[in-house]
Amino acid sequence: MERDELIRIIQENVVTSAEAADLLDVSKQNLLSLVKRDKLKPVKESGSVRLFLKSDVLERKREAESLREKYRPYE
């Protein structure tokens, strides 16, 4: 696998904490809470930097929307 292809794959499939929070439409504190409760797992952690698979973040978003529809049908 060439370097450029690897970079493209990483850019398409890995997101930072800030990007994950934006995708989920939550605060950084809420994202940290999701990580602490094992609702979302980072693929790499280094100090305060966390990287997530974009597919995991989008799956969590779908789960949250499903739960919201189930328990808050009036919204």
Protein backbone atom coordinates (compact mmCIF):
# COMPACT_ATOMS: atom_id res chain seq x y z
CA MET A 1 0.00 0.00 0.00
CA GLU A 2 1.41 3.33 -0.98
CA ARG A 3 1.75 6.22 1.43
CA ASP A 4 -0.76 8.44 -0.42
CA GLU A 5 -3.38 5.69 -0.40
CA LEU A 6 -2.86 5.09 3.31
CA ILE A 7 -3.23 8.81 4.05
CA ARG A 8 -6.45 8.93 2.02
CA ILE A 9 -7.88 5.93 3.90
CA ILE A 10 -7.02 7.45 7.28
CA GLN A 11 -8.50 10.84 6.35
CA GLU A 12 -11.73 9.20 5.19
CA ASN A 13 -12.15 6.81 8.12
CA VAL A 14 -10.63 8.41 11.24
CA VAL A 15 -11.94 11.46 13.11
CA THR A 16 -10.67 13.51 16.05
CA SER A 17 -12.61 14.14 19.24
CA ALA A 18 -13.76 17.54 17.96
CA GLU A 19 -14.95 16.03 14.67
CA ALA A 20 -16.71 13.19 16.52
CA ALA A 21 -18.48 15.68 18.80
CA ASP A 22 -19.61 17.65 15.73
CA LEU A 23 -20.88 14.52 13.98
CA LEU A 24 -22.82 13.48 17.10
CA ASP A 25 -23.95 17.05 17.78
CA VAL A 26 -22.78 16.82 21.40
CA SER A 27 -20.36 18.77 23.56
CA LYS A 28 -16.79 17.60 24.14
CA GLN A 29 -17.78 16.85 27.74
CA ASN A 30 -20.63 14.64 26.55
CA LEU A 31 -18.25 12.85 24.17
CA LEU A 32 -15.87 12.20 27.07
CA SER A 33 -18.81 10.81 29.04
CA LEU A 34 -19.62 8.44 26.16
CA VAL A 35 -16.01 7.22 26.19
CA LYS A 36 -15.97 6.75 29.98
CA ARG A 37 -19.24 4.76 29.81
CA ASP A 38 -17.86 2.58 26.97
CA LYS A 39 -20.54 3.78 24.56
CA LEU A 40 -17.83 4.92 22.14
CA LYS A 41 -14.29 3.59 22.01
CA PRO A 42 -11.33 5.51 20.61
CA VAL A 43 -8.98 3.56 18.35
CA LYS A 44 -5.99 5.56 19.60
CA GLU A 45 -5.38 7.67 22.69
CA SER A 46 -2.34 9.76 23.44
CA GLY A 47 -2.71 12.10 26.36
CA SER A 48 -5.81 14.18 25.73
CA VAL A 49 -5.90 13.32 22.00
CA ARG A 50 -8.37 10.65 20.94
CA LEU A 51 -9.01 9.26 17.47
CA PHE A 52 -12.20 7.43 16.53
CA LEU A 53 -13.29 5.35 13.57
CA LYS A 54 -15.84 7.40 11.65
CA SER A 55 -18.02 4.30 11.22
CA ASP A 56 -18.17 3.82 15.03
CA VAL A 57 -19.20 7.44 15.52
CA LEU A 58 -21.92 7.21 12.85
CA GLU A 59 -23.20 3.95 14.36
CA ARG A 60 -23.43 5.64 17.77
CA LYS A 61 -25.36 8.49 16.14
CA ARG A 62 -27.85 6.01 14.65
CA GLU A 63 -28.26 4.32 18.04
CA ALA A 64 -28.87 7.65 19.76
CA GLU A 65 -31.46 8.66 17.15
CA SER A 66 -33.23 5.31 17.54
CA LEU A 67 -33.32 5.66 21.33
CA ARG A 68 -34.54 9.24 21.01
CA GLU A 69 -37.43 8.10 18.78
CA LYS A 70 -38.30 5.31 21.20
CA TYR A 71 -38.17 7.28 24.46
CA ARG A 72 -38.99 10.77 23.22
CA PRO A 73 -41.58 10.31 20.48
CA TYR A 74 -42.99 13.80 21.11
CA GLU A 75 -39.77 15.52 19.91
